[in-house]
PDB file of N, CA and C in Angstrom:
ATOM      1  N   MET A   1       0.697  -1.132   0.013  1.00  0.00           N
ATOM      2  CA  MET A   1      -0.053  -0.100  -0.033  1.00  0.00           C
ATOM      3  C   MET A   1       0.951   1.249   0.127  1.00  0.00           C
ATOM      4  N   LYS A   2       0.501   2.342  -0.659  1.00  0.00           N
ATOM      5  CA  LYS A   2       1.367   3.657  -0.706  1.00  0.00           C
ATOM      6  C   LYS A   2       1.107   4.520   0.334  1.00  0.00           C
ATOM      7  N   PRO A   3       1.562   5.618   0.577  1.00  0.00           N
ATOM      8  CA  PRO A   3       1.373   6.117   1.463  1.00  0.00           C
ATOM      9  C   PRO A   3       0.034   7.203   1.408  1.00  0.00           C
ATOM     10  N   LYS A   4      -0.349   7.665   0.288  1.00  0.00           N
ATOM     11  CA  LYS A   4      -1.284   8.422  -0.129  1.00  0.00           C
ATOM     12  C   LYS A   4      -2.648   7.605   0.157  1.00  0.00           C
ATOM     13  N   PRO A   5      -2.977   6.578  -0.404  1.00  0.00           N
ATOM     14  CA  PRO A   5      -4.128   5.441  -0.095  1.00  0.00           C
ATOM     15  C   PRO A   5      -4.129   5.122   1.254  1.00  0.00           C
ATOM     16  N   LEU A   6      -3.074   4.960   2.116  1.00  0.00           N
ATOM     17  CA  LEU A   6      -3.132   4.703   3.374  1.00  0.00           C
ATOM     18  C   LEU A   6      -3.668   5.962   4.163  1.00  0.00           C
ATOM     19  N   PHE A   7      -3.424   7.144   3.695  1.00  0.00           N
ATOM     20  CA  PHE A   7      -3.625   8.422   4.473  1.00  0.00           C
ATOM     21  C   PHE A   7      -5.271   8.616   4.346  1.00  0.00           C
ATOM     22  N   VAL A   8      -5.683   8.148   3.010  1.00  0.00           N
ATOM     23  CA  VAL A   8      -7.249   8.148   2.737  1.00  0.00           C
ATOM     24  C   VAL A   8      -7.855   7.296   3.275  1.00  0.00           C
ATOM     25  N   LEU A   9      -7.515   6.057   3.549  1.00  0.00           N
ATOM     26  CA  LEU A   9      -8.037   5.038   4.097  1.00  0.00           C
ATOM     27  C   LEU A   9      -8.139   5.197   5.834  1.00  0.00           C
ATOM     28  N   LEU A  10      -7.124   5.858   6.495  1.00  0.00           N
ATOM     29  CA  LEU A  10      -7.052   6.225   7.677  1.00  0.00           C
ATOM     30  C   LEU A  10      -8.352   7.353   8.041  1.00  0.00           C
ATOM     31  N   VAL A  11      -8.292   8.377   7.125  1.00  0.00           N
ATOM     32  CA  VAL A  11      -9.205   9.411   7.460  1.00  0.00           C
ATOM     33  C   VAL A  11     -10.809   9.062   7.164  1.00  0.00           C
ATOM     34  N   LYS A  12     -10.824   8.099   6.197  1.00  0.00           N
ATOM     35  CA  LYS A  12     -12.193   7.693   6.068  1.00  0.00           C
ATOM     36  C   LYS A  12     -12.594   6.589   7.460  1.00  0.00           C
ATOM     37  N   GLY A  13     -11.781   5.727   7.749  1.00  0.00           N
ATOM     38  CA  GLY A  13     -11.652   5.084   9.066  1.00  0.00           C
ATOM     39  C   GLY A  13     -12.280   5.639  10.295  1.00  0.00           C
ATOM     40  N   PHE A  14     -11.374   6.853  10.385  1.00  0.00           N
ATOM     41  CA  PHE A  14     -11.670   7.628  11.586  1.00  0.00           C
ATOM     42  C   PHE A  14     -12.989   8.250  11.598  1.00  0.00           C
ATOM     43  N   ALA A  15     -13.290   8.612  10.289  1.00  0.00           N
ATOM     44  CA  ALA A  15     -14.553   9.850  10.220  1.00  0.00           C
ATOM     45  C   ALA A  15     -15.628   8.643  10.247  1.00  0.00           C
ATOM     46  N   GLY A  16     -15.568   7.515   9.765  1.00  0.00           N
ATOM     47  CA  GLY A  16     -16.594   6.791   9.790  1.00  0.00           C
ATOM     48  C   GLY A  16     -17.122   6.317  11.396  1.00  0.00           C
ATOM     49  N   PHE A  17     -16.034   6.240  12.255  1.00  0.00           N
ATOM     50  CA  PHE A  17     -16.319   6.384  13.468  1.00  0.00           C
ATOM     51  C   PHE A  17     -16.498   7.501  14.437  1.00  0.00           C
ATOM     52  N   TYR A  18     -15.954   8.277  14.082  1.00  0.00           N
ATOM     53  CA  TYR A  18     -15.950   9.542  14.960  1.00  0.00           C
ATOM     54  C   TYR A  18     -16.859  10.509  14.594  1.00  0.00           C
ATOM     55  N   VAL A  19     -17.356  10.691  13.453  1.00  0.00           N
ATOM     56  CA  VAL A  19     -18.526  11.679  13.057  1.00  0.00           C
ATOM     57  C   VAL A  19     -19.608  11.287  13.396  1.00  0.00           C
ATOM     58  N   PRO A  20     -20.177   9.806  13.073  1.00  0.00           N
ATOM     59  CA  PRO A  20     -21.401   9.600  14.088  1.00  0.00           C
ATOM     60  C   PRO A  20     -21.451   9.740  15.336  1.00  0.00           C
ATOM     61  N   LEU A  21     -20.308   9.403  16.244  1.00  0.00           N
ATOM     62  CA  LEU A  21     -20.229   9.582  17.620  1.00  0.00           C
ATOM     63  C   LEU A  21     -20.244  11.052  18.018  1.00  0.00           C
ATOM     64  N   SER A  22     -19.610  11.894  17.182  1.00  0.00           N
ATOM     65  CA  SER A  22     -19.653  13.440  17.707  1.00  0.00           C
ATOM     66  C   SER A  22     -21.224  13.949  17.341  1.00  0.00           C
ATOM     67  N   LEU A  23     -21.651  13.367  16.155  1.00  0.00           N
ATOM     68  CA  LEU A  23     -23.243  14.039  16.066  1.00  0.00           C
ATOM     69  C   LEU A  23     -24.280  13.297  17.297  1.00  0.00           C
ATOM     70  N   PHE A  24     -23.929  11.843  17.728  1.00  0.00           N
ATOM     71  CA  PHE A  24     -24.437  11.250  18.863  1.00  0.00           C
ATOM     72  C   PHE A  24     -24.463  12.416  19.938  1.00  0.00           C
ATOM     73  N   PHE A  25     -23.066  12.631  20.308  1.00  0.00           N
ATOM     74  CA  PHE A  25     -23.034  13.414  21.749  1.00  0.00           C
ATOM     75  C   PHE A  25     -23.666  14.871  21.455  1.00  0.00           C
ATOM     76  N   GLY A  26     -23.577  15.296  20.105  1.00  0.00           N
ATOM     77  CA  GLY A  26     -24.131  16.700  19.956  1.00  0.00           C
ATOM     78  C   GLY A  26     -25.493  16.598  20.150  1.00  0.00           C
ATOM     79  N   LEU A  27     -26.172  15.371  19.392  1.00  0.00           N
ATOM     80  CA  LEU A  27     -27.499  15.280  19.942  1.00  0.00           C
ATOM     81  C   LEU A  27     -28.040  15.468  21.273  1.00  0.00           C
ATOM     82  N   GLY A  28     -27.019  14.821  21.883  1.00  0.00           N
ATOM     83  CA  GLY A  28     -27.251  14.554  23.610  1.00  0.00           C
ATOM     84  C   GLY A  28     -27.038  16.111  24.120  1.00  0.00           C
ATOM     85  N   SER A  29     -26.048  16.889  23.741  1.00  0.00           N
ATOM     86  CA  SER A  29     -26.050  18.498  24.268  1.00  0.00           C
ATOM     87  C   SER A  29     -27.364  19.110  23.825  1.00  0.00           C
ATOM     88  N   LEU A  30     -27.675  18.834  22.475  1.00  0.00           N
ATOM     89  CA  LEU A  30     -28.786  19.886  22.110  1.00  0.00           C
ATOM     90  C   LEU A  30     -30.125  19.305  23.049  1.00  0.00           C
ATOM     91  N   LEU A  31     -30.147  18.145  23.408  1.00  0.00           N
ATOM     92  CA  LEU A  31     -31.085  17.800  24.336  1.00  0.00           C
ATOM     93  C   LEU A  31     -30.626  17.856  26.059  1.00  0.00           C
ATOM     94  N   ASN A  32     -29.865  18.648  26.037  1.00  0.00           N
ATOM     95  CA  ASN A  32     -29.491  19.016  27.408  1.00  0.00           C
ATOM     96  C   ASN A  32     -28.951  17.916  28.323  1.00  0.00           C
ATOM     97  N   LEU A  33     -28.559  16.609  27.820  1.00  0.00           N
ATOM     98  CA  LEU A  33     -28.286  15.514  28.527  1.00  0.00           C
ATOM     99  C   LEU A  33     -26.517  15.673  28.503  1.00  0.00           C
ATOM    100  N   VAL A  34     -25.806  15.961  27.673  1.00  0.00           N
ATOM    101  CA  VAL A  34     -24.632  15.678  27.767  1.00  0.00           C
ATOM    102  C   VAL A  34     -23.581  17.319  27.503  1.00  0.00           C
ATOM    103  N   PRO A  35     -22.989  17.529  28.424  1.00  0.00           N
ATOM    104  CA  PRO A  35     -22.516  19.049  27.804  1.00  0.00           C
ATOM    105  C   PRO A  35     -20.993  18.993  26.994  1.00  0.00           C
ATOM    106  N   ALA A  36     -20.892  20.007  26.012  1.00  0.00           N
ATOM    107  CA  ALA A  36     -19.972  19.765  25.473  1.00  0.00           C
ATOM    108  C   ALA A  36     -18.781  20.965  26.276  1.00  0.00           C
ATOM    109  N   THR A  37     -17.662  20.424  26.456  1.00  0.00           N
ATOM    110  CA  THR A  37     -16.954  21.093  27.206  1.00  0.00           C
ATOM    111  C   THR A  37     -15.710  21.590  26.562  1.00  0.00           C
ATOM    112  N   LEU A  38     -15.736  23.139  26.332  1.00  0.00           N
ATOM    113  CA  LEU A  38     -14.664  23.681  25.746  1.00  0.00           C
ATOM    114  C   LEU A  38     -13.953  24.679  26.673  1.00  0.00           C
ATOM    115  N   ASN A  39     -12.609  24.473  26.798  1.00  0.00           N
ATOM    116  CA  ASN A  39     -11.893  25.351  27.723  1.00  0.00           C
ATOM    117  C   ASN A  39     -12.465  25.660  29.260  1.00  0.00           C
ATOM    118  N   GLU A  40     -12.812  24.375  29.554  1.00  0.00           N
ATOM    119  CA  GLU A  40     -13.334  24.082  30.981  1.00  0.00           C
ATOM    120  C   GLU A  40     -14.748  24.799  31.267  1.00  0.00           C
ATOM    121  N   GLN A  41     -15.342  24.987  30.322  1.00  0.00           N
ATOM    122  CA  GLN A  41     -16.836  25.523  30.418  1.00  0.00           C
ATOM    123  C   GLN A  41     -17.789  24.887  29.508  1.00  0.00           C
ATOM    124  N   SER A  42     -18.941  24.527  30.189  1.00  0.00           N
ATOM    125  CA  SER A  42     -19.947  23.193  29.594  1.00  0.00           C
ATOM    126  C   SER A  42     -20.885  24.254  28.886  1.00  0.00           C
ATOM    127  N   TYR A  43     -21.066  23.682  27.893  1.00  0.00           N
ATOM    128  CA  TYR A  43     -22.083  24.213  26.738  1.00  0.00           C
ATOM    129  C   TYR A  43     -23.174  23.178  26.363  1.00  0.00           C
ATOM    130  N   TYR A  44     -24.532  23.615  26.222  1.00  0.00           N
ATOM    131  CA  TYR A  44     -25.765  22.866  25.947  1.00  0.00           C
ATOM    132  C   TYR A  44     -26.279  23.506  24.649  1.00  0.00           C
ATOM    133  N   GLY A  45     -27.339  22.844  24.288  1.00  0.00           N
ATOM    134  CA  GLY A  45     -28.073  23.368  23.082  1.00  0.00           C
ATOM    135  C   GLY A  45     -27.450  23.509  21.813  1.00  0.00           C
ATOM    136  N   ILE A  46     -27.476  24.472  21.143  1.00  0.00           N
ATOM    137  CA  ILE A  46     -27.031  24.781  19.625  1.00  0.00           C
ATOM    138  C   ILE A  46     -25.537  24.937  19.821  1.00  0.00           C
ATOM    139  N   GLN A  47     -25.299  25.546  20.889  1.00  0.00           N
ATOM    140  CA  GLN A  47     -23.684  25.758  21.049  1.00  0.00           C
ATOM    141  C   GLN A  47     -23.029  24.360  21.117  1.00  0.00           C
ATOM    142  N   GLY A  48     -23.574  23.359  22.027  1.00  0.00           N
ATOM    143  CA  GLY A  48     -22.901  22.098  22.176  1.00  0.00           C
ATOM    144  C   GLY A  48     -22.986  21.212  20.932  1.00  0.00           C
ATOM    145  N   LEU A  49     -23.915  21.270  20.326  1.00  0.00           N
ATOM    146  CA  LEU A  49     -24.272  20.867  19.086  1.00  0.00           C
ATOM    147  C   LEU A  49     -23.049  21.223  17.995  1.00  0.00           C
ATOM    148  N   ALA A  50     -22.705  22.502  18.033  1.00  0.00           N
ATOM    149  CA  ALA A  50     -21.845  23.282  17.202  1.00  0.00           C
ATOM    150  C   ALA A  50     -20.467  23.013  17.467  1.00  0.00           C
ATOM    151  N   ILE A  51     -19.988  22.562  19.019  1.00  0.00           N
ATOM    152  CA  ILE A  51     -18.951  22.583  19.254  1.00  0.00           C
ATOM    153  C   ILE A  51     -18.368  21.180  19.025  1.00  0.00           C
ATOM    154  N   TYR A  52     -19.313  20.118  19.068  1.00  0.00           N
ATOM    155  CA  TYR A  52     -19.149  18.873  18.711  1.00  0.00           C
ATOM    156  C   TYR A  52     -19.075  18.533  17.088  1.00  0.00           C
ATOM    157  N   VAL A  53     -19.953  19.143  16.272  1.00  0.00           N
ATOM    158  CA  VAL A  53     -19.847  19.180  14.819  1.00  0.00           C
ATOM    159  C   VAL A  53     -18.489  19.755  14.330  1.00  0.00           C
ATOM    160  N   LEU A  54     -18.342  21.022  14.753  1.00  0.00           N
ATOM    161  CA  LEU A  54     -17.234  21.426  14.084  1.00  0.00           C
ATOM    162  C   LEU A  54     -15.643  20.930  14.595  1.00  0.00           C
ATOM    163  N   PHE A  55     -15.576  20.428  15.681  1.00  0.00           N
ATOM    164  CA  PHE A  55     -14.218  19.770  16.264  1.00  0.00           C
ATOM    165  C   PHE A  55     -14.197  18.470  15.768  1.00  0.00           C
ATOM    166  N   SER A  56     -15.150  17.748  15.200  1.00  0.00           N
ATOM    167  CA  SER A  56     -15.042  16.504  14.751  1.00  0.00           C
ATOM    168  C   SER A  56     -14.042  16.253  13.252  1.00  0.00           C
ATOM    169  N   PRO A  57     -14.055  17.049  12.413  1.00  0.00           N
ATOM    170  CA  PRO A  57     -13.118  17.170  11.293  1.00  0.00           C
ATOM    171  C   PRO A  57     -11.629  17.332  11.841  1.00  0.00           C
ATOM    172  N   LEU A  58     -11.493  18.236  12.887  1.00  0.00           N
ATOM    173  CA  LEU A  58     -10.272  18.393  13.413  1.00  0.00           C
ATOM    174  C   LEU A  58      -9.807  17.175  14.039  1.00  0.00           C
ATOM    175  N   VAL A  59     -10.487  16.478  14.904  1.00  0.00           N
ATOM    176  CA  VAL A  59     -10.154  15.151  15.482  1.00  0.00           C
ATOM    177  C   VAL A  59      -9.844  14.134  14.678  1.00  0.00           C
ATOM    178  N   VAL A  60     -10.463  13.884  13.540  1.00  0.00           N
ATOM    179  CA  VAL A  60     -10.220  13.072  12.625  1.00  0.00           C
ATOM    180  C   VAL A  60      -9.090  13.360  12.070  1.00  0.00           C
ATOM    181  N   LEU A  61      -8.655  14.519  11.490  1.00  0.00           N
ATOM    182  CA  LEU A  61      -7.436  14.943  10.917  1.00  0.00           C
ATOM    183  C   LEU A  61      -6.257  14.779  11.780  1.00  0.00           C
ATOM    184  N   LEU A  62      -6.325  14.888  13.228  1.00  0.00           N
ATOM    185  CA  LEU A  62      -5.147  14.954  13.963  1.00  0.00           C
ATOM    186  C   LEU A  62      -4.786  13.341  14.089  1.00  0.00           C
ATOM    187  N   LEU A  63      -6.009  12.786  14.479  1.00  0.00           N
ATOM    188  CA  LEU A  63      -5.809  11.095  14.523  1.00  0.00           C
ATOM    189  C   LEU A  63      -5.272  10.428  13.319  1.00  0.00           C
ATOM    190  N   ALA A  64      -5.722  10.944  12.230  1.00  0.00           N
ATOM    191  CA  ALA A  64      -5.233  10.259  10.816  1.00  0.00           C
ATOM    192  C   ALA A  64      -3.635  10.673  10.805  1.00  0.00           C
ATOM    193  N   VAL A  65      -3.290  11.643  11.031  1.00  0.00           N
ATOM    194  CA  VAL A  65      -2.124  12.203  10.826  1.00  0.00           C
ATOM    195  C   VAL A  65      -1.100  11.402  11.765  1.00  0.00           C
ATOM    196  N   SER A  66      -1.504  11.414  12.842  1.00  0.00           N
ATOM    197  CA  SER A  66      -0.483  10.865  13.837  1.00  0.00           C
ATOM    198  C   SER A  66      -0.440   9.299  13.809  1.00  0.00           C
ATOM    199  N   THR A  67      -1.528   8.644  13.294  1.00  0.00           N
ATOM    200  CA  THR A  67      -1.373   7.169  12.985  1.00  0.00           C
ATOM    201  C   THR A  67      -0.719   7.095  11.806  1.00  0.00           C
ATOM    202  N   TRP A  68      -0.767   7.760  10.615  1.00  0.00           N
ATOM    203  CA  TRP A  68      -0.188   7.788   9.379  1.00  0.00           C
ATOM    204  C   TRP A  68       1.517   7.798   9.640  1.00  0.00           C
ATOM    205  N   ILE A  69       1.980   8.806  10.465  1.00  0.00           N
ATOM    206  CA  ILE A  69       3.256   9.131  10.757  1.00  0.00           C
ATOM    207  C   ILE A  69       3.843   7.850  11.460  1.00  0.00           C
ATOM    208  N   ILE A  70       2.979   7.112  12.297  1.00  0.00           N
ATOM    209  CA  ILE A  70       3.697   6.058  12.854  1.00  0.00           C
ATOM    210  C   ILE A  70       3.645   4.849  11.870  1.00  0.00           C
ATOM    211  N   VAL A  71       2.618   4.643  10.943  1.00  0.00           N
ATOM    212  CA  VAL A  71       2.362   3.259  10.240  1.00  0.00           C
ATOM    213  C   VAL A  71       3.269   3.508   8.952  1.00  0.00           C
ATOM    214  N   ALA A  72       3.254   4.815   8.374  1.00  0.00           N
ATOM    215  CA  ALA A  72       3.998   4.797   7.056  1.00  0.00           C
ATOM    216  C   ALA A  72       5.330   4.415   6.861  1.00  0.00           C
ATOM    217  N   PRO A  73       6.308   4.686   8.136  1.00  0.00           N
ATOM    218  CA  PRO A  73       7.348   4.271   7.544  1.00  0.00           C
ATOM    219  C   PRO A  73       7.707   2.630   7.885  1.00  0.00           C
ATOM    220  N   GLY A  74       6.655   2.041   8.506  1.00  0.00           N
ATOM    221  CA  GLY A  74       6.716   0.618   8.883  1.00  0.00           C
ATOM    222  C   GLY A  74       6.347   0.030   7.299  1.00  0.00           C
ATOM    223  N   LEU A  75       5.360   0.572   6.750  1.00  0.00           N
ATOM    224  CA  LEU A  75       5.003   0.214   5.367  1.00  0.00           C
ATOM    225  C   LEU A  75       6.403   0.189   4.486  1.00  0.00           C
ATOM    226  N   PHE A  76       6.887   1.311   4.502  1.00  0.00           N
ATOM    227  CA  PHE A  76       8.104   1.628   3.695  1.00  0.00           C
ATOM    228  C   PHE A  76       9.324   0.430   3.978  1.00  0.00           C
ATOM    229  N   ILE A  77       9.323   0.235   5.377  1.00  0.00           N
ATOM    230  CA  ILE A  77      10.340  -0.778   5.571  1.00  0.00           C
ATOM    231  C   ILE A  77       9.790  -2.221   5.246  1.00  0.00           C
ATOM    232  N   GLN A  78       8.415  -2.591   5.393  1.00  0.00           N
ATOM    233  CA  GLN A  78       7.995  -3.834   4.988  1.00  0.00           C
ATOM    234  C   GLN A  78       8.247  -3.962   3.362  1.00  0.00           C
ATOM    235  N   ARG A  79       7.956  -2.841   2.550  1.00  0.00           N
ATOM    236  CA  ARG A  79       8.095  -3.071   1.162  1.00  0.00           C
ATOM    237  C   ARG A  79       9.692  -3.196   0.785  1.00  0.00           C
ATOM    238  N   LEU A  80      10.454  -2.585   1.445  1.00  0.00           N
ATOM    239  CA  LEU A  80      12.066  -2.801   1.324  1.00  0.00           C
ATOM    240  C   LEU A  80      12.355  -4.170   1.721  1.00  0.00           C
ATOM    241  N   VAL A  81      12.001  -4.689   2.766  1.00  0.00           N
ATOM    242  CA  VAL A  81      12.155  -5.920   3.092  1.00  0.00           C
ATOM    243  C   VAL A  81      11.872  -6.895   2.042  1.00  0.00           C
ATOM    244  N   SER A  82      10.250  -6.997   1.579  1.00  0.00           N
ATOM    245  CA  SER A  82       9.907  -7.509   0.741  1.00  0.00           C
ATOM    246  C   SER A  82      10.346  -7.834  -0.578  1.00  0.00           C
ATOM    247  N   LYS A  83      10.914  -6.781  -1.115  1.00  0.00           N
ATOM    248  CA  LYS A  83      11.757  -6.633  -2.408  1.00  0.00           C
ATOM    249  C   LYS A  83      13.042  -7.370  -2.087  1.00  0.00           C
ATOM    250  N   LEU A  84      13.677  -7.193  -1.165  1.00  0.00           N
ATOM    251  CA  LEU A  84      14.947  -7.904  -0.784  1.00  0.00           C
ATOM    252  C   LEU A  84      14.864  -9.397  -0.849  1.00  0.00           C
ATOM    253  N   VAL A  85      13.709  -9.979  -0.241  1.00  0.00           N
ATOM    254  CA  VAL A  85      13.408 -11.379  -0.197  1.00  0.00           C
ATOM    255  C   VAL A  85      13.007 -11.782  -1.326  1.00  0.00           C
ATOM    256  N   THR A  86      12.119 -11.372  -2.082  1.00  0.00           N
ATOM    257  CA  THR A  86      11.809 -11.837  -3.254  1.00  0.00           C
ATOM    258  C   THR A  86      13.061 -11.634  -4.247  1.00  0.00           C
ATOM    259  N   GLY A  87      13.726 -10.648  -4.313  1.00  0.00           N
ATOM    260  CA  GLY A  87      14.898 -10.689  -5.208  1.00  0.00           C
ATOM    261  C   GLY A  87      16.098 -11.755  -4.783  1.00  0.00           C
ATOM    262  N   THR A  88      16.276 -12.154  -3.349  1.00  0.00           N
ATOM    263  CA  THR A  88      17.000 -13.110  -3.236  1.00  0.00           C
ATOM    264  C   THR A  88      16.442 -14.318  -3.630  1.00  0.00           C
ATOM    265  N   ARG A  89      15.241 -14.755  -3.447  1.00  0.00           N
ATOM    266  CA  ARG A  89      14.677 -15.877  -4.091  1.00  0.00           C
ATOM    267  C   ARG A  89      14.738 -16.075  -5.426  1.00  0.00           C
ATOM    268  N   GLU A  90      14.647 -15.161  -6.140  1.00  0.00           N
ATOM    269  CA  GLU A  90      14.615 -15.053  -7.623  1.00  0.00           C
ATOM    270  C   GLU A  90      16.192 -15.484  -8.079  1.00  0.00           C
ATOM    271  N   GLN A  91      17.084 -14.969  -7.235  1.00  0.00           N
ATOM    272  CA  GLN A  91      18.597 -15.167  -7.743  1.00  0.00           C
ATOM    273  C   GLN A  91      18.987 -16.843  -7.211  1.00  0.00           C
ATOM    274  N   LEU A  92      18.352 -17.480  -6.627  1.00  0.00           N
ATOM    275  CA  LEU A  92      18.618 -18.865  -5.983  1.00  0.00           C
ATOM    276  C   LEU A  92      18.045 -19.867  -7.255  1.00  0.00           C
TER     277      LEU A  92
END
């Protein structure tokens, strides 16, 4: 797998989980069940929903980038080792 498709896969995976979760909590905040906390202040209603909805893309991007930074070098090393192993087998 190349680095760019890996990043797209990570963004789609994290977005598929986190966006519905943030909408769920945003709905809870809209119904005054769960507070949206920002800078140690609790928000309810439309403000709470907006906080959850507006911060979800940022969180998805941060999670995808941090995971990609860890996984992409490992994929590069795996491809390099795979080429070395298959090249060695072809010579024998």
